Protein backbone atom coordinates (compact mmCIF):
# COMPACT_ATOMS: atom_id res chain seq x y z
CA MET A 1 0.00 0.00 0.00
CA GLY A 2 1.46 3.41 -1.04
CA GLN A 3 2.06 6.20 1.44
CA LYS A 4 -0.87 8.59 1.77
CA ARG A 5 -0.30 12.30 1.17
CA ILE A 6 -1.72 14.03 4.26
CA ARG A 7 -4.01 17.02 3.63
CA ALA A 8 -3.77 19.71 6.35
CA ILE A 9 -5.25 23.13 7.15
CA ILE A 10 -4.15 25.83 9.61
CA VAL A 11 -6.64 27.75 11.79
CA ASP A 12 -5.38 30.91 13.55
CA ASP A 13 -6.68 34.46 13.86
CA GLU A 14 -3.15 35.85 13.37
CA ILE A 15 -2.07 36.00 9.73
CA ASN A 16 1.63 35.65 10.65
CA ALA A 17 0.91 32.35 12.40
CA ARG A 18 -1.08 31.10 9.42
CA GLN A 19 1.81 31.92 7.15
CA MET A 20 4.51 30.50 9.43
CA VAL A 21 3.18 26.98 9.99
CA PRO A 22 3.17 25.98 6.27
CA ILE A 23 6.84 26.98 5.91
CA ILE A 24 8.35 26.03 9.28
CA VAL A 25 9.32 22.56 7.99
CA ASP A 26 9.59 20.91 4.57
CA TRP A 27 6.08 19.43 4.63
CA LEU A 28 6.33 17.71 1.25
CA SER A 29 9.33 15.70 2.40
CA ILE A 30 7.27 14.16 5.22
CA GLY A 31 4.19 13.54 3.09
CA TYR A 32 2.05 16.62 3.88
CA GLU A 33 0.41 19.34 1.84
CA PHE A 34 -1.44 22.38 3.21
CA VAL A 35 -4.70 22.77 1.33
CA GLY A 36 -6.27 25.74 3.14
CA GLU A 37 -6.32 28.19 6.03
CA ALA A 38 -9.00 29.80 8.24
CA SER A 39 -8.96 32.78 10.60
CA ASN A 40 -11.58 31.48 13.04
CA GLY A 41 -13.53 28.40 14.06
CA SER A 42 -16.67 29.07 12.01
CA GLU A 43 -14.62 29.59 8.89
CA ALA A 44 -12.67 26.43 9.66
CA LEU A 45 -15.84 24.30 9.88
CA ASP A 46 -16.94 25.46 6.43
CA LEU A 47 -13.45 24.76 5.07
CA ILE A 48 -13.43 21.26 6.56
CA GLU A 49 -16.73 20.41 4.85
CA THR A 50 -15.26 21.49 1.51
CA LEU A 51 -11.65 20.26 1.67
CA LYS A 52 -11.95 17.13 3.86
CA PRO A 53 -8.49 17.49 5.49
CA ASP A 54 -6.77 14.73 7.47
CA VAL A 55 -5.16 17.07 10.01
CA VAL A 56 -6.22 20.43 11.49
CA PHE A 57 -3.61 22.65 13.17
CA THR A 58 -5.47 25.17 15.32
CA ASP A 59 -4.74 27.94 17.80
CA ILE A 60 -6.74 27.97 21.05
CA ASN A 61 -7.29 31.68 21.66
CA MET A 62 -9.47 32.93 18.76
CA PRO A 63 -12.55 35.24 18.52
CA PHE A 64 -16.09 33.91 18.07
CA MET A 65 -15.08 30.27 18.65
CA ASP A 66 -11.92 29.15 20.43
CA GLY A 67 -9.80 26.17 19.43
CA LEU A 68 -11.23 23.87 22.10
CA GLU A 69 -14.82 24.40 20.98
CA LEU A 70 -13.70 23.92 17.38
CA SER A 71 -11.99 20.68 18.36
CA ARG A 72 -15.14 19.44 20.06
CA LEU A 73 -17.27 20.16 16.99
CA ILE A 74 -14.74 18.56 14.65
CA LYS A 75 -14.69 15.34 16.72
CA GLU A 76 -18.49 15.22 16.75
CA LYS A 77 -18.87 15.55 12.96
CA HIS A 78 -15.52 14.22 11.69
CA PRO A 79 -14.09 11.79 14.27
CA LEU A 80 -11.29 10.61 11.95
CA ILE A 81 -9.72 14.06 11.55
CA LYS A 82 -6.60 14.53 13.69
CA ILE A 83 -6.31 17.78 15.64
CA VAL A 84 -3.11 19.51 16.73
CA VAL A 85 -3.55 22.42 19.13
CA ILE A 86 -0.98 25.24 18.95
CA THR A 87 -0.97 27.52 21.98
CA ALA A 88 1.10 29.79 24.18
CA TYR A 89 -0.59 28.44 27.33
CA PRO A 90 1.49 25.69 28.99
CA GLU A 91 -0.93 25.09 31.87
CA PHE A 92 -1.72 21.45 32.58
CA ASP A 93 -5.48 22.09 32.77
CA TYR A 94 -5.46 23.47 29.24
CA ALA A 95 -3.55 20.46 27.97
CA LYS A 96 -5.88 18.04 29.76
CA LYS A 97 -8.96 19.81 28.45
CA SER A 98 -7.54 19.64 24.92
CA LEU A 99 -6.97 15.92 25.19
CA ASP A 100 -10.49 15.43 26.57
CA MET A 101 -11.80 17.14 23.43
CA GLY A 102 -10.09 14.52 21.27
CA VAL A 103 -6.96 16.51 20.44
CA GLN A 104 -4.06 14.27 19.34
CA HIS A 105 -1.17 16.64 20.08
CA PHE A 106 -0.49 19.81 22.04
CA ILE A 107 2.34 22.10 20.77
CA LEU A 108 3.57 25.19 22.63
CA LYS A 109 4.51 28.50 21.01
CA PRO A 110 7.01 29.64 19.91
CA LEU A 111 7.07 26.78 17.43
CA GLN A 112 10.25 24.74 17.11
CA PRO A 113 10.80 23.06 13.69
CA GLN A 114 12.08 19.85 15.28
CA GLU A 115 9.01 19.54 17.53
CA VAL A 116 6.60 20.32 14.70
CA ARG A 117 8.31 17.80 12.43
CA LYS A 118 8.23 15.15 15.18
CA VAL A 119 4.50 15.65 15.83
CA ALA A 120 3.68 15.66 12.11
CA THR A 121 5.67 12.48 11.50
CA GLU A 122 3.95 10.65 14.37
CA LEU A 123 0.54 11.73 13.08
CA HIS A 124 1.41 10.61 9.56
CA ALA A 125 2.35 7.15 10.84
CA LYS A 126 -0.87 6.94 12.86
CA ILE A 127 -3.03 7.98 9.90
CA GLN A 128 -1.21 5.54 7.60
CA GLU A 129 -1.72 2.75 10.11
CA GLU A 130 -5.44 3.52 10.34
CA LEU A 131 -5.69 3.66 6.54
CA ASP A 132 -3.93 0.31 6.15
CA ARG A 133 -6.21 -1.21 8.78
CA TRP A 134 -9.28 0.23 7.03
CA ASN A 135 -8.12 -1.10 3.67
CA GLU A 136 -7.53 -4.51 5.22
CA VAL A 137 -11.04 -4.50 6.69
CA GLN A 138 -12.46 -3.52 3.30
CA GLN A 139 -10.58 -6.39 1.65
CA LEU A 140 -11.88 -8.81 4.26
CA ARG A 141 -15.41 -7.52 3.76
CA GLN A 142 -15.02 -8.02 0.03
CA GLN A 143 -13.81 -11.57 0.63
CA LEU A 144 -16.75 -12.12 2.97
CA LYS A 145 -19.13 -10.84 0.28
CA GLU A 146 -17.54 -13.07 -2.35
CA ASN A 147 -17.76 -16.13 -0.09
CA ALA A 148 -21.14 -15.35 1.47
CA ALA A 149 -22.94 -18.19 -0.33
CA GLN A 150 -20.35 -20.79 0.74
CA LEU A 151 -20.35 -19.52 4.33
CA LYS A 152 -24.14 -19.63 4.48
CA GLU A 153 -24.16 -23.17 3.10
CA LYS A 154 -21.55 -24.19 5.67
CA PHE A 155 -23.70 -22.71 8.45
CA LEU A 156 -26.81 -24.50 7.18
CA ASN A 157 -24.92 -27.80 7.13
CA ASP A 158 -23.80 -27.14 10.69
CA LEU A 159 -27.47 -26.78 11.60
CA LEU A 160 -28.28 -30.11 9.92
CA SER A 161 -25.42 -31.82 11.74
CA GLY A 162 -26.11 -30.26 15.13
CA ILE A 163 -22.66 -28.61 15.20
CA TRP A 164 -22.98 -25.24 16.92
CA GLU A 165 -22.11 -23.20 19.95
CA PRO A 166 -25.43 -22.71 21.80
CA GLY A 167 -24.66 -19.15 22.85
CA GLN A 168 -23.81 -18.07 19.28
CA LEU A 169 -26.55 -19.87 17.34
CA ASP A 170 -29.14 -17.11 17.47
CA ASN A 171 -26.66 -14.40 16.40
CA ARG A 172 -25.26 -16.54 13.58
CA PHE A 173 -28.71 -17.39 12.25
CA HIS A 174 -29.87 -13.77 12.20
CA TYR A 175 -26.59 -12.71 10.58
CA PHE A 176 -27.34 -14.90 7.57
CA PHE A 177 -31.12 -14.39 7.73
CA PRO A 178 -31.88 -10.91 9.13
CA ASP A 179 -35.52 -11.14 7.96
CA GLN A 180 -36.29 -14.05 10.32
CA VAL A 181 -39.23 -13.03 12.54
CA LYS A 182 -40.71 -16.33 13.66
CA ASN A 183 -39.28 -19.80 13.99
CA LEU A 184 -41.04 -22.47 11.94
CA PHE A 185 -38.60 -24.77 10.17
CA THR A 186 -39.27 -27.71 7.84
CA VAL A 187 -36.62 -29.65 5.95
CA MET A 188 -37.08 -31.36 2.58
CA VAL A 189 -34.44 -33.72 1.16
CA ILE A 190 -34.27 -34.32 -2.60
CA GLU A 191 -32.02 -37.14 -3.75
CA PRO A 192 -31.78 -37.44 -7.55
CA GLN A 193 -31.51 -41.00 -8.85
CA HIS A 194 -28.30 -41.99 -10.60
CA LEU A 195 -27.42 -44.78 -12.95
CA GLU A 196 -25.08 -47.42 -11.54
CA GLU A 197 -22.63 -46.87 -14.40
CA ASP A 198 -22.40 -43.11 -13.70
CA GLY A 199 -18.98 -41.95 -12.58
CA GLU A 200 -18.43 -39.44 -9.78
CA GLU A 201 -18.11 -36.51 -12.17
CA GLN A 202 -21.36 -37.41 -13.92
CA ARG A 203 -23.10 -37.76 -10.56
CA ILE A 204 -21.91 -34.33 -9.37
CA LEU A 205 -22.85 -32.66 -12.66
CA HIS A 206 -26.29 -34.26 -12.52
CA CYS A 207 -26.82 -32.95 -8.97
CA LEU A 208 -25.65 -29.46 -9.95
CA ARG A 209 -28.04 -29.47 -12.92
CA CYS A 210 -30.94 -30.47 -10.69
CA LYS A 211 -30.09 -27.86 -8.06
CA ARG A 212 -29.79 -25.10 -10.65
CA PHE A 213 -33.23 -26.06 -11.96
CA ILE A 214 -34.70 -26.01 -8.44
CA ASP A 215 -33.06 -22.64 -7.68
CA TYR A 216 -34.74 -21.20 -10.77
CA ALA A 217 -38.09 -22.85 -10.00
CA LEU A 218 -38.19 -21.50 -6.43
CA VAL A 219 -36.86 -18.00 -7.07
CA GLU A 220 -40.21 -16.48 -5.99
CA TYR A 221 -40.53 -18.66 -2.88
CA LYS A 222 -39.24 -16.32 -0.19
CA GLY A 223 -37.83 -18.05 2.87
CA ILE A 224 -36.92 -21.37 1.24
CA GLU A 225 -33.16 -21.97 1.29
CA VAL A 226 -31.80 -24.41 -1.31
CA PHE A 227 -28.37 -25.95 -0.73
CA PHE A 228 -26.37 -29.18 -0.82
CA ASP A 229 -25.77 -31.24 2.31
CA ASN A 230 -22.42 -32.94 2.85
CA SER A 231 -23.53 -35.93 0.73
CA GLN A 232 -24.58 -33.83 -2.28
CA ARG A 233 -28.27 -34.25 -1.55
CA ILE A 234 -30.37 -31.18 -2.35
CA ILE A 235 -31.86 -29.64 0.80
CA LEU A 236 -34.80 -27.26 1.02
CA LEU A 237 -35.20 -25.47 4.34
CA ASP A 238 -38.47 -23.60 4.72
CA ARG A 239 -37.46 -21.22 7.50
CA LEU A 240 -40.50 -18.93 7.53
CA GLY A 241 -43.27 -21.53 7.54
CA LYS A 242 -45.00 -19.76 4.64
CA HIS A 243 -45.11 -22.59 2.13
CA LYS A 244 -46.75 -26.02 1.87
CA LEU A 245 -43.67 -28.15 1.27
CA PRO A 246 -45.60 -31.32 0.28
CA GLU A 247 -47.16 -29.38 -2.61
CA VAL A 248 -43.80 -27.79 -3.48
CA GLY A 249 -42.25 -31.27 -3.46
CA GLU A 250 -44.93 -32.67 -5.78
CA ILE A 251 -44.42 -29.81 -8.24
CA LEU A 252 -40.63 -30.26 -8.19
CA ALA A 253 -40.89 -34.04 -8.63
CA ILE A 254 -43.06 -33.62 -11.74
CA SER A 255 -40.94 -30.77 -13.14
CA LEU A 256 -37.65 -32.63 -12.64
CA ARG A 257 -39.10 -35.68 -14.37
CA GLU A 258 -40.58 -33.77 -17.30
CA LYS A 259 -37.91 -31.11 -17.84
CA LEU A 260 -34.73 -32.97 -16.93
CA ALA A 261 -35.83 -36.61 -17.22
CA CYS A 262 -34.69 -36.92 -13.61
CA ARG A 263 -36.46 -39.12 -11.08
CA ALA A 264 -35.82 -38.10 -7.48
CA PHE A 265 -36.62 -39.43 -4.02
CA ILE A 266 -38.15 -36.66 -1.91
CA GLY A 267 -38.68 -36.75 1.85
CA ILE A 268 -40.05 -34.15 4.27
CA GLY A 269 -39.48 -33.97 8.01
CA SER A 270 -41.67 -32.56 10.76
CA THR A 271 -42.00 -28.83 11.34
CA SER A 272 -39.73 -27.55 14.12
CA LYS A 273 -40.03 -24.44 16.26
CA THR A 274 -36.40 -24.00 17.35
CA PHE A 275 -33.04 -23.82 15.60
CA THR A 276 -31.82 -26.85 17.50
CA GLN A 277 -34.64 -29.02 16.13
CA ILE A 278 -33.73 -28.40 12.49
CA LYS A 279 -31.38 -31.37 12.65
CA ASP A 280 -34.30 -33.55 13.79
CA SER A 281 -36.43 -32.46 10.84
CA TYR A 282 -33.47 -33.22 8.56
CA LYS A 283 -33.01 -36.73 10.01
CA GLU A 284 -36.72 -37.38 9.59
CA ALA A 285 -36.57 -36.22 5.97
CA LEU A 286 -33.66 -38.62 5.38
CA GLU A 287 -35.73 -41.45 6.85
CA ALA A 288 -38.62 -40.50 4.58
CA VAL A 289 -36.25 -40.63 1.56
CA ARG A 290 -34.99 -44.02 2.64
CA TYR A 291 -38.58 -45.20 3.01
CA GLY A 292 -39.29 -43.95 -0.52
CA LYS A 293 -36.37 -45.98 -1.87
CA LEU A 294 -37.75 -49.10 -0.22
CA LYS A 295 -41.18 -48.43 -1.70
CA GLY A 296 -39.58 -47.89 -5.10
CA GLY A 297 -41.81 -44.95 -6.00
CA SER A 298 -41.10 -41.36 -6.96
CA ALA A 299 -43.71 -39.79 -4.70
CA VAL A 300 -43.06 -37.26 -1.96
CA TYR A 301 -42.85 -39.01 1.41
CA PHE A 302 -43.77 -37.18 4.58
CA PHE A 303 -42.28 -38.44 7.82
CA ASN A 304 -45.34 -37.82 9.98
CA ASP A 305 -47.68 -39.57 7.54
CA GLU A 306 -45.55 -42.46 6.32
CA ILE A 307 -43.39 -43.43 9.30
CA HIS A 308 -44.30 -41.61 12.49
CA PHE A 309 -47.45 -42.18 14.55
CA GLY A 310 -48.07 -38.56 15.41
CA GLU A 311 -46.39 -35.27 16.09
CA ARG A 312 -42.98 -35.25 17.68
CA SER A 313 -43.82 -34.78 21.35
CA TRP A 314 -40.59 -36.00 22.88
CA LYS A 315 -37.14 -37.14 21.79
CA LEU A 316 -34.06 -38.65 23.32
CA LYS A 317 -31.67 -36.11 24.83
CA THR A 318 -28.81 -36.98 22.47
CA HIS A 319 -27.20 -33.52 22.32
CA GLU A 320 -27.35 -33.01 26.09
CA ILE A 321 -25.87 -36.46 26.73
CA GLU A 322 -23.07 -35.90 24.20
CA GLU A 323 -22.22 -32.62 25.94
CA THR A 324 -21.93 -34.48 29.26
CA VAL A 325 -19.77 -37.18 27.66
CA PHE A 326 -17.46 -34.48 26.29
CA PHE A 327 -16.77 -33.13 29.79
CA VAL A 328 -16.27 -36.67 31.08
CA LYS A 329 -13.68 -37.38 28.39
CA ALA A 330 -12.03 -34.03 29.15
CA GLY A 331 -11.81 -35.04 32.83
CA ILE A 332 -13.82 -32.04 34.11
CA THR A 333 -15.97 -33.53 36.85
CA ASP A 334 -17.87 -30.44 37.98
CA LYS A 335 -18.97 -29.54 34.43
CA ALA A 336 -20.08 -33.12 33.77
CA ILE A 337 -22.11 -33.15 37.00
CA GLU A 338 -23.70 -29.82 36.04
CA CYS A 339 -24.76 -31.33 32.71
CA VAL A 340 -26.38 -34.31 34.43
CA ASP A 341 -28.22 -31.93 36.75
CA LYS A 342 -29.37 -29.83 33.75
CA LEU A 343 -30.51 -32.98 31.93
CA PHE A 344 -32.78 -34.02 34.78
CA ARG A 345 -34.00 -30.47 35.35
CA GLU A 346 -35.22 -30.42 31.75
CA LEU A 347 -36.83 -33.81 32.24
CA GLU A 348 -38.66 -32.58 35.33
CA GLU A 349 -39.89 -29.49 33.47
CA SER A 350 -41.09 -31.50 30.47
CA SER A 351 -44.86 -31.75 30.00
CA SER A 352 -44.44 -35.29 28.71
CA LEU A 353 -42.43 -36.53 31.69
CA SER A 354 -42.80 -40.13 32.74
CA VAL A 355 -40.65 -42.49 34.80
CA GLU A 356 -40.29 -44.75 31.75
CA ARG A 357 -38.83 -41.91 29.70
CA ALA A 358 -36.49 -40.90 32.51
CA ARG A 359 -35.28 -44.50 32.65
CA LEU A 360 -34.79 -44.47 28.89
CA VAL A 361 -32.71 -41.28 29.05
CA SER A 362 -30.66 -42.64 31.97
CA ALA A 363 -30.00 -45.92 30.16
CA GLN A 364 -29.06 -44.00 27.01
CA PHE A 365 -26.64 -41.92 29.09
CA VAL A 366 -24.85 -44.96 30.52
CA SER A 367 -24.67 -46.79 27.19
CA THR A 368 -23.46 -43.67 25.29
CA LEU A 369 -20.75 -43.09 27.87
CA ALA A 370 -19.68 -46.74 27.77
CA ASN A 371 -19.56 -46.69 23.95
CA SER A 372 -17.50 -43.49 23.98
CA LEU A 373 -14.98 -45.03 26.35
CA THR A 374 -14.73 -48.08 24.11
CA GLU A 375 -14.12 -45.82 21.07
CA MET A 376 -11.35 -44.11 23.04
CA GLY A 377 -9.69 -47.50 23.47
CA PHE A 378 -10.13 -47.41 27.21
CA ALA A 379 -11.59 -50.88 27.66
CA LYS A 380 -9.22 -52.58 25.26
CA GLU A 381 -8.96 -56.38 25.39
CA GLY A 382 -10.34 -56.57 28.90
CA GLU A 383 -7.44 -54.58 30.35
CA ARG A 384 -9.85 -52.23 32.07
CA SER A 385 -13.51 -52.47 32.89
CA PHE A 386 -16.14 -50.29 34.47
CA ASP A 387 -18.85 -51.17 36.88
CA LEU A 388 -21.86 -50.93 34.56
CA SER A 389 -24.33 -52.14 37.18
CA PRO A 390 -26.03 -48.69 37.17
CA TYR A 391 -27.41 -49.63 33.75
CA MET A 392 -29.40 -52.50 35.27
CA ARG A 393 -30.29 -50.71 38.49
CA ILE A 394 -31.87 -47.81 36.57
CA PHE A 395 -34.75 -50.05 35.46
CA GLU A 396 -35.57 -50.82 39.09
CA MET A 397 -35.80 -47.15 40.11
CA ASP A 398 -39.01 -45.15 40.35
CA SER A 399 -37.47 -41.85 41.52
CA LEU A 400 -35.90 -39.22 39.25
CA HIS A 401 -33.84 -38.00 42.18
CA LEU A 402 -32.37 -41.48 42.66
CA MET A 403 -31.67 -41.82 38.93
CA LYS A 404 -29.91 -38.44 38.87
CA GLN A 405 -27.85 -39.33 41.95
CA THR A 406 -26.88 -42.66 40.39
CA LEU A 407 -25.76 -41.03 37.13
CA GLN A 408 -23.79 -38.34 38.97
CA GLU A 409 -22.01 -40.98 41.06
CA PHE A 410 -21.32 -43.01 37.93
CA THR A 411 -20.01 -39.91 36.14
CA THR A 412 -17.68 -39.04 39.04
CA TYR A 413 -16.43 -42.63 39.12
CA VAL A 414 -15.76 -42.73 35.36
CA VAL A 415 -13.90 -39.39 35.38
CA SER A 416 -11.70 -40.53 38.27
CA GLN A 417 -10.89 -43.77 36.42
CA LEU A 418 -10.08 -41.87 33.24
CA ILE A 419 -7.79 -39.45 35.05
CA ARG A 420 -6.08 -42.32 36.84
CA ALA A 421 -5.55 -44.20 33.57
CA ARG A 422 -4.27 -41.10 31.79
CA ASN A 423 -1.85 -40.33 34.62
CA LYS A 424 -0.59 -43.90 34.53
CA LYS A 425 -0.09 -43.70 30.78
CA THR A 426 1.60 -40.29 31.06
CA ASN A 427 3.92 -41.45 33.84
CA HIS A 428 4.91 -44.48 31.79
CA THR A 429 5.62 -42.27 28.77
CA ILE A 430 7.73 -39.83 30.80
CA GLN A 431 9.76 -42.67 32.30
CA GLU A 432 10.43 -44.03 28.81
CA VAL A 433 11.46 -40.55 27.67
CA LYS A 434 13.88 -40.20 30.59
CA LYS A 435 15.49 -43.54 29.69
CA PHE A 436 15.75 -42.44 26.07
CA ILE A 437 17.43 -39.17 27.08
CA GLN A 438 20.07 -41.01 29.12
CA GLN A 439 20.74 -43.38 26.21
CA GLU A 440 20.96 -40.58 23.64
CA LEU A 441 22.76 -37.83 25.61
CA HIS A 442 25.58 -37.91 23.06
CA ASN A 443 23.13 -37.06 20.26
CA GLN A 444 23.52 -33.42 19.24
CA GLU A 445 20.08 -33.45 17.58
CA MET A 446 18.37 -34.05 20.92
CA SER A 447 15.61 -31.46 21.36
CA LEU A 448 11.96 -31.16 22.34
CA SER A 449 10.75 -31.67 18.76
CA TYR A 450 13.20 -34.54 18.19
CA VAL A 451 12.06 -36.48 21.27
CA SER A 452 8.35 -35.77 20.82
CA GLY A 453 8.68 -37.00 17.23
CA LYS A 454 10.36 -40.20 18.36
CA PHE A 455 7.47 -40.89 20.74
CA HIS A 456 4.79 -39.77 18.24
CA LEU A 457 3.55 -36.97 20.49
CA ASN A 458 2.46 -33.42 19.74
CA SER A 459 5.37 -31.23 20.87
CA SER A 460 3.16 -28.76 22.78
CA TYR A 461 1.36 -31.58 24.60
CA PHE A 462 4.66 -33.33 25.34
CA SER A 463 6.21 -30.12 26.69
CA ARG A 464 3.23 -29.60 29.01
CA ILE A 465 3.11 -33.14 30.46
CA PHE A 466 6.89 -33.28 30.81
CA LYS A 467 6.97 -30.10 32.89
CA GLN A 468 4.01 -31.32 34.97
CA ASP A 469 5.95 -34.47 35.82
CA THR A 470 9.45 -33.06 36.35
CA GLY A 471 8.69 -29.52 37.50
CA ILE A 472 11.07 -28.04 34.90
CA SER A 473 11.02 -27.56 31.15
CA PHE A 474 12.35 -30.23 28.79
CA THR A 475 15.25 -27.96 27.76
CA ASP A 476 16.30 -27.38 31.37
CA TYR A 477 15.97 -31.07 32.17
CA LEU A 478 18.11 -32.05 29.17
CA LEU A 479 20.76 -29.52 30.16
CA LYS A 480 20.71 -30.82 33.75
CA CYS A 481 21.21 -34.41 32.55
CA ARG A 482 24.06 -33.39 30.28
CA MET A 483 25.83 -31.52 33.05
CA GLU A 484 25.36 -34.42 35.47
CA ARG A 485 26.93 -36.74 32.87
CA ALA A 486 29.73 -34.21 32.38
CA VAL A 487 30.45 -34.17 36.14
CA LYS A 488 30.57 -37.96 36.16
CA LEU A 489 33.06 -37.96 33.28
CA LEU A 490 35.17 -35.28 34.97
CA ASN A 491 35.30 -37.43 38.10
CA GLU A 492 36.09 -40.70 36.31
CA THR A 493 38.23 -39.69 33.31
CA ASP A 494 41.01 -37.31 32.34
CA TRP A 495 39.23 -36.18 29.20
CA LYS A 496 39.56 -32.66 27.90
CA ALA A 497 36.58 -30.31 28.09
CA TYR A 498 35.90 -30.55 24.33
CA GLN A 499 35.83 -34.38 24.54
CA ILE A 500 33.32 -34.30 27.39
CA ALA A 501 31.26 -31.70 25.53
CA GLU A 502 30.98 -33.99 22.50
CA SER A 503 30.19 -36.95 24.74
CA VAL A 504 27.18 -35.16 26.20
CA GLY A 505 25.88 -33.92 22.85
CA ILE A 506 27.26 -30.35 22.83
CA LYS A 507 29.39 -29.56 19.79
CA ASP A 508 30.68 -26.12 20.83
CA PRO A 509 33.12 -26.39 23.77
CA PHE A 510 32.66 -22.69 24.64
CA TYR A 511 28.91 -23.16 24.89
CA PHE A 512 29.54 -26.28 26.98
CA SER A 513 31.75 -24.29 29.38
CA ASN A 514 29.10 -21.59 29.76
CA CYS A 515 26.40 -24.19 30.42
CA PHE A 516 28.58 -25.99 32.96
CA LYS A 517 29.22 -22.82 34.94
CA LYS A 518 25.54 -21.84 34.76
CA VAL A 519 24.39 -25.18 36.20
CA MET A 520 27.26 -26.04 38.55
CA GLY A 521 28.21 -22.53 39.70
CA VAL A 522 31.92 -23.02 38.86
CA SER A 523 33.90 -23.33 35.65
CA VAL A 524 35.15 -26.66 34.27
CA GLN A 525 38.73 -25.79 35.26
CA GLU A 526 37.69 -24.76 38.77
CA TYR A 527 35.78 -28.02 39.19
CA LYS A 528 38.79 -30.05 38.01
CA LYS A 529 41.01 -28.36 40.58
CA SER A 530 38.50 -29.10 43.33
CA ILE A 531 38.64 -32.88 42.71
CA ILE A 532 42.42 -33.20 42.48
């Protein structure tokens, strides 16, 4: 980005002052040009509207409107303009008041060229920095505009997958859809049929052709979003609840068949009233599509009519349970317990609460947690096992309080076992690393990244667990081991310092000597004398 030429004006009721400032330094050499002058504040405001300067140099003591009032008005209407006050008053109160008005600099009369040049140069750098930052923001906004469609599609797929941060979901949704006023969401899945002999490129082109046709067909249907899911199925999300999707689906099925000779399986899920239920409507639409494939027809299949027995009145607490399992796997007991408490609080507040459903949720919790631990490799080949008796005991309980207490105790137990197992694994790894260090002390390549690579560990993670175990950093520990080996060799051999340095993996004998004195408190020669 090129350097900006700064446009400046001078405001002073004395003509000599107005003439002096533009010539007191070589303004062109520091990137300035004076584009105007004014003899009072009112005149200056008119000039600013016309010339749009970057910097205003102004006196304080002027008739009609002083420099401080002018500064205040400039900051109100033109907050980006920089103001430099020139005054003969050195009092602190004046300076403070100027700064409170948004003045960037405060220069005392008589003007000194060096001081003026210094202030001007600092302001130029500040303005250039702001301009570069503004240009960067504009470039980012342009990139955002260019990628808006892809970002929106990514967000919609996150909704289908249930991947979101709860606290950000509402803001993100209204960022992409600012016209959203009420929440009624229905998902339709359209899966074009493909020939078995079609290659991947033909399949993708066929899907793109179908989607382009649907985009054109639904251009007047406000509130229906058309996009691909992660499996290249065409998704319609009616987010305003204004349209009858079964009828839309029938029209699209006929049009695709007649215009593109494309047969498609079409499924529609239930209508949802919250963002978080969109994924449920999507899953139901997928089930309806699958049902249509089994039936072998090209009709539109509606989940509630074809598969379900009624409206969705209750569902398993999959998301809430997965959140609890996350905290368990992370070893954060208090957060996991809070999630269990929240899970049961929602159950208690549910209008469709029953003991049977509470048992079902509790059993799902235990089985999901057990499956997650198995996926983590925790219960490998019978090496470790958990007491899963809570799973059976749940079905004998009639009290939600007892179920909650049982799950919280089970959660605490599992976290403690996980932490214990991880500590055992970490301790074993650190012990192996320590053995490796002793065996490879002569290796000049020995470093944090070298050792972490040998043990297939992330270097940041390895650095953290190593310091937790030893109390010092890996680098300090390695240096300590090398110096201990050096002391042993000094005691048992008559080797020269450079030979010992090479033996402990340090190529530079001068660096070795410095390290030895740093760790041992004496030089190599002083230590040798002490053992004679």
